[in-house]
Amino acid sequence: MSLGNSIFSDVIEWVLGRTGDRRQYQRRAGAFHVWWLPDASKPNDLRQGIGMEISANGLVFIIREKILAKEFNLIVRLREQRLPIRCKTIRVDTVQHKNESWNRYSCEFSGIAADHWDAVVRYVTDTPEPVDRRTPENPGAAQADDAYRLLPVAIQNKIVAALVAARKLDEPKPGQTPLIKIFYGGLVNSGGKKAHRFNVHSRVQAKEEMLAYDTRFLVTEEGEVKQV
């Protein structure tokens, strides 16, 4: 990729040069257990579906029932772990499964506990589970991503402000770096302007649980930042 004199040259070259970041975009196909939870107040009322594909950002599954809500709760079982996940529908269609018509949902994660997101990433990238769960798998994960540091300060501030306003990030204290990680999604045309796609993984402390969110941004060469 030729980046010329783009203000994003350093961050894009850094991100694309990292094998670990490229692997985060992997999708893992293959059946896995999925249950739809229609009513959070009735945890025993579970409707079983079949997971078809999952990535660090979302999943595809099929189910007999129609899910009318735009956002809903799922329980996904990966490697014998049951992971509660809040999802948002991106696309829906119907497919044939065992001579019956099933509904197929393509979704992105809208809410997931941070340790559960880590479990999804390990499953997608086929990384072994940590032997000692009391030991942090990656001590550097709690620090701001280096790619974030390479962005212009004005753009850093806009991204952080948008995440804080959406309650997807705790507002950093003065001198403190935010708990985020950046993935580069490529160059696109947005309203006649060239824009760069960034997927930002953020974490926020909610009571006794750390929650993880993925938010997409378009950033133009002029420094305009738009959440998508």
Protein backbone atom coordinates (compact mmCIF):
# COMPACT_ATOMS: atom_id res chain seq x y z
CA MET A 1 0.00 0.00 0.00
CA SER A 2 1.35 3.42 -0.96
CA LEU A 3 0.44 5.97 1.66
CA GLY A 4 2.31 8.95 0.29
CA ASN A 5 2.25 11.89 2.68
CA SER A 6 -0.87 10.80 4.53
CA ILE A 7 -1.04 11.95 8.14
CA PHE A 8 -1.89 8.30 8.93
CA SER A 9 1.17 6.78 7.25
CA ASP A 10 2.95 5.84 10.49
CA VAL A 11 -0.04 4.27 12.23
CA ILE A 12 -1.20 2.36 9.14
CA GLU A 13 2.24 0.95 8.39
CA TRP A 14 2.66 -0.01 12.06
CA VAL A 15 -0.72 -1.75 12.29
CA LEU A 16 -0.46 -3.59 8.96
CA GLY A 17 3.04 -4.73 9.83
CA ARG A 18 1.90 -6.55 12.96
CA THR A 19 0.97 -10.21 12.52
CA GLY A 20 -1.03 -10.15 15.75
CA ASP A 21 -3.28 -7.36 14.53
CA ARG A 22 -3.90 -9.05 11.19
CA ARG A 23 -4.93 -12.22 13.00
CA GLN A 24 -7.54 -10.28 14.98
CA TYR A 25 -9.56 -9.98 11.78
CA GLN A 26 -9.73 -13.73 11.25
CA ARG A 27 -13.08 -15.45 11.08
CA ARG A 28 -13.47 -19.00 12.25
CA ALA A 29 -16.10 -21.07 10.49
CA GLY A 30 -17.64 -24.20 11.95
CA ALA A 31 -20.65 -25.13 14.05
CA PHE A 32 -20.85 -24.11 17.71
CA HIS A 33 -23.63 -23.85 20.28
CA VAL A 34 -25.72 -20.66 20.43
CA TRP A 35 -28.77 -19.86 22.56
CA TRP A 36 -31.01 -16.81 22.15
CA LEU A 37 -32.29 -15.34 25.42
CA PRO A 38 -35.59 -13.55 24.54
CA ASP A 39 -36.12 -12.15 28.06
CA ALA A 40 -33.18 -11.41 30.36
CA SER A 41 -35.50 -11.77 33.37
CA LYS A 42 -36.14 -15.40 32.38
CA PRO A 43 -32.65 -16.96 32.17
CA ASN A 44 -34.05 -20.48 31.74
CA ASP A 45 -36.03 -19.56 28.61
CA LEU A 46 -33.38 -20.33 26.01
CA ARG A 47 -33.98 -20.88 22.28
CA GLN A 48 -31.27 -22.97 20.67
CA GLY A 49 -29.62 -22.01 17.41
CA ILE A 50 -26.48 -23.05 15.56
CA GLY A 51 -23.41 -20.86 15.30
CA MET A 52 -21.86 -20.83 11.82
CA GLU A 53 -18.99 -18.35 12.00
CA ILE A 54 -17.42 -16.06 14.59
CA SER A 55 -14.80 -13.31 14.68
CA ALA A 56 -13.49 -10.80 17.20
CA ASN A 57 -16.25 -8.40 16.13
CA GLY A 58 -19.32 -10.56 15.60
CA LEU A 59 -20.86 -13.83 14.54
CA VAL A 60 -23.24 -15.58 12.14
CA PHE A 61 -25.83 -18.06 13.41
CA ILE A 62 -29.07 -19.70 12.32
CA ILE A 63 -32.21 -20.26 14.39
CA ARG A 64 -35.81 -21.33 13.75
CA GLU A 65 -37.35 -18.35 15.54
CA LYS A 66 -37.53 -14.82 14.18
CA ILE A 67 -35.73 -12.28 16.34
CA LEU A 68 -37.53 -8.97 15.88
CA ALA A 69 -35.42 -6.86 18.24
CA LYS A 70 -32.48 -5.04 16.67
CA GLU A 71 -30.33 -5.85 19.72
CA PHE A 72 -30.64 -9.03 21.74
CA ASN A 73 -28.82 -11.36 24.14
CA LEU A 74 -27.07 -14.58 23.17
CA ILE A 75 -25.15 -17.24 25.03
CA VAL A 76 -22.34 -18.73 22.96
CA ARG A 77 -20.42 -21.84 23.96
CA LEU A 78 -16.79 -21.98 22.87
CA ARG A 79 -14.35 -24.53 24.27
CA GLU A 80 -16.89 -25.48 26.97
CA GLN A 81 -17.19 -21.85 28.10
CA ARG A 82 -20.62 -20.23 28.04
CA LEU A 83 -20.22 -16.58 27.05
CA PRO A 84 -23.11 -14.08 27.43
CA ILE A 85 -22.96 -11.61 24.53
CA ARG A 86 -25.12 -8.63 23.54
CA CYS A 87 -25.49 -8.49 19.74
CA LYS A 88 -26.82 -6.15 17.08
CA THR A 89 -28.27 -7.47 13.81
CA ILE A 90 -26.46 -6.35 10.65
CA ARG A 91 -28.12 -8.66 8.09
CA VAL A 92 -30.81 -11.32 8.18
CA ASP A 93 -32.00 -13.83 5.58
CA THR A 94 -33.29 -17.40 5.43
CA VAL A 95 -31.46 -20.63 4.63
CA GLN A 96 -32.38 -24.28 4.34
CA HIS A 97 -31.24 -26.55 7.15
CA LYS A 98 -32.32 -30.21 7.24
CA ASN A 99 -35.10 -29.46 4.77
CA GLU A 100 -36.47 -26.65 6.95
CA SER A 101 -36.33 -22.88 6.60
CA TRP A 102 -34.17 -21.25 9.29
CA ASN A 103 -33.38 -17.60 9.91
CA ARG A 104 -29.75 -16.59 9.48
CA TYR A 105 -28.44 -13.59 11.44
CA SER A 106 -25.18 -11.76 10.82
CA CYS A 107 -24.43 -9.73 13.95
CA GLU A 108 -21.79 -7.57 15.54
CA PHE A 109 -21.04 -7.46 19.24
CA SER A 110 -22.57 -4.49 21.06
CA GLY A 111 -21.65 -5.60 24.58
CA ILE A 112 -19.36 -8.29 25.97
CA ALA A 113 -17.30 -8.73 29.13
CA ALA A 114 -13.61 -8.12 28.49
CA ASP A 115 -12.51 -11.60 29.58
CA HIS A 116 -15.18 -13.13 27.33
CA TRP A 117 -13.94 -11.06 24.37
CA ASP A 118 -10.45 -12.39 25.08
CA ALA A 119 -11.87 -15.94 25.02
CA VAL A 120 -13.49 -15.29 21.63
CA VAL A 121 -10.20 -13.99 20.21
CA ARG A 122 -8.32 -17.03 21.51
CA TYR A 123 -10.90 -19.32 19.89
CA VAL A 124 -10.81 -17.47 16.54
CA THR A 125 -7.01 -17.41 16.39
CA ASP A 126 -6.74 -20.97 17.77
CA THR A 127 -4.66 -19.79 20.71
CA PRO A 128 -4.44 -22.12 23.74
CA GLU A 129 -6.21 -21.11 26.92
CA PRO A 130 -3.89 -19.70 29.62
CA VAL A 131 -2.76 -22.39 32.02
CA ASP A 132 -3.06 -20.17 35.08
CA ARG A 133 -6.12 -17.92 34.76
CA ARG A 134 -4.96 -15.85 37.73
CA THR A 135 -1.96 -14.70 35.73
CA PRO A 136 -2.66 -11.99 33.12
CA GLU A 137 -2.33 -13.54 29.67
CA ASN A 138 -0.82 -10.36 28.30
CA PRO A 139 0.38 -7.76 30.84
CA GLY A 140 0.69 -5.17 28.06
CA ALA A 141 -3.01 -5.44 27.22
CA ALA A 142 -3.91 -3.03 30.00
CA GLN A 143 -1.85 -0.29 28.40
CA ALA A 144 -2.85 1.99 25.56
CA ASP A 145 -2.17 0.51 22.13
CA ASP A 146 0.96 1.90 20.48
CA ALA A 147 -0.97 2.50 17.25
CA TYR A 148 -3.15 4.96 19.14
CA ARG A 149 -0.06 6.94 20.15
CA LEU A 150 0.87 7.35 16.47
CA LEU A 151 -2.42 9.11 15.60
CA PRO A 152 -2.45 12.93 15.56
CA VAL A 153 -3.38 14.25 19.02
CA ALA A 154 -6.49 16.05 17.73
CA ILE A 155 -7.83 12.77 16.30
CA GLN A 156 -6.94 10.89 19.48
CA ASN A 157 -8.98 13.39 21.47
CA LYS A 158 -12.00 13.15 19.14
CA ILE A 159 -12.05 9.36 19.27
CA VAL A 160 -11.70 9.29 23.05
CA ALA A 161 -14.43 11.93 23.47
CA ALA A 162 -16.83 9.95 21.27
CA LEU A 163 -16.21 6.74 23.20
CA VAL A 164 -16.61 8.47 26.57
CA ALA A 165 -19.87 10.08 25.41
CA ALA A 166 -21.15 6.66 24.31
CA ARG A 167 -20.12 5.17 27.71
CA LYS A 168 -17.76 2.77 25.99
CA LEU A 169 -14.69 4.18 27.72
CA ASP A 170 -13.92 5.68 31.12
CA GLU A 171 -12.72 9.26 30.77
CA PRO A 172 -8.93 9.19 31.24
CA LYS A 173 -7.52 11.20 34.10
CA PRO A 174 -5.01 13.94 33.21
CA GLY A 175 -1.81 12.28 32.03
CA GLN A 176 -3.46 8.86 31.83
CA THR A 177 -3.67 6.97 28.54
CA PRO A 178 -7.07 5.47 27.60
CA LEU A 179 -7.68 1.72 27.63
CA ILE A 180 -8.14 1.21 23.89
CA LYS A 181 -6.68 -0.79 21.00
CA ILE A 182 -6.85 0.21 17.34
CA PHE A 183 -7.28 -1.94 14.22
CA TYR A 184 -6.94 -0.42 10.75
CA GLY A 185 -9.73 -1.26 8.30
CA GLY A 186 -8.55 0.28 5.04
CA LEU A 187 -9.12 3.30 2.81
CA VAL A 188 -12.67 4.07 1.60
CA ASN A 189 -14.58 6.83 -0.20
CA SER A 190 -16.97 8.67 2.11
CA GLY A 191 -19.07 11.43 0.59
CA GLY A 192 -16.49 12.09 -2.08
CA LYS A 193 -13.64 12.24 0.43
CA LYS A 194 -10.96 9.69 1.13
CA ALA A 195 -11.38 8.29 4.63
CA HIS A 196 -9.65 5.68 6.73
CA ARG A 197 -11.58 3.05 8.64
CA PHE A 198 -10.49 2.34 12.19
CA ASN A 199 -12.01 -0.22 14.52
CA VAL A 200 -11.39 0.76 18.13
CA HIS A 201 -11.60 -1.83 20.90
CA SER A 202 -12.29 -0.13 24.24
CA ARG A 203 -12.88 -1.31 27.79
CA VAL A 204 -14.85 0.27 30.60
CA GLN A 205 -15.28 -0.70 34.24
CA ALA A 206 -18.94 -1.36 35.09
CA LYS A 207 -19.44 -2.18 38.78
CA GLU A 208 -17.30 -5.29 39.34
CA GLU A 209 -17.04 -6.25 35.66
CA MET A 210 -14.86 -4.99 32.86
CA LEU A 211 -16.88 -4.62 29.62
CA ALA A 212 -15.47 -4.58 26.10
CA TYR A 213 -16.77 -2.68 23.07
CA ASP A 214 -15.82 -2.41 19.41
CA THR A 215 -16.60 0.87 17.64
CA ARG A 216 -15.98 1.79 14.01
CA PHE A 217 -14.77 5.22 12.96
CA LEU A 218 -14.17 6.92 9.62
CA VAL A 219 -11.39 9.52 9.71
CA THR A 220 -10.70 11.80 6.75
CA GLU A 221 -7.32 13.22 5.78
CA GLU A 222 -8.65 16.58 7.00
CA GLY A 223 -9.10 15.16 10.49
CA GLU A 224 -12.89 14.72 10.50
CA VAL A 225 -13.93 11.85 12.76
CA LYS A 226 -17.26 10.06 12.27
CA GLN A 227 -18.60 7.10 14.20
CA VAL A 228 -20.28 4.49 11.96
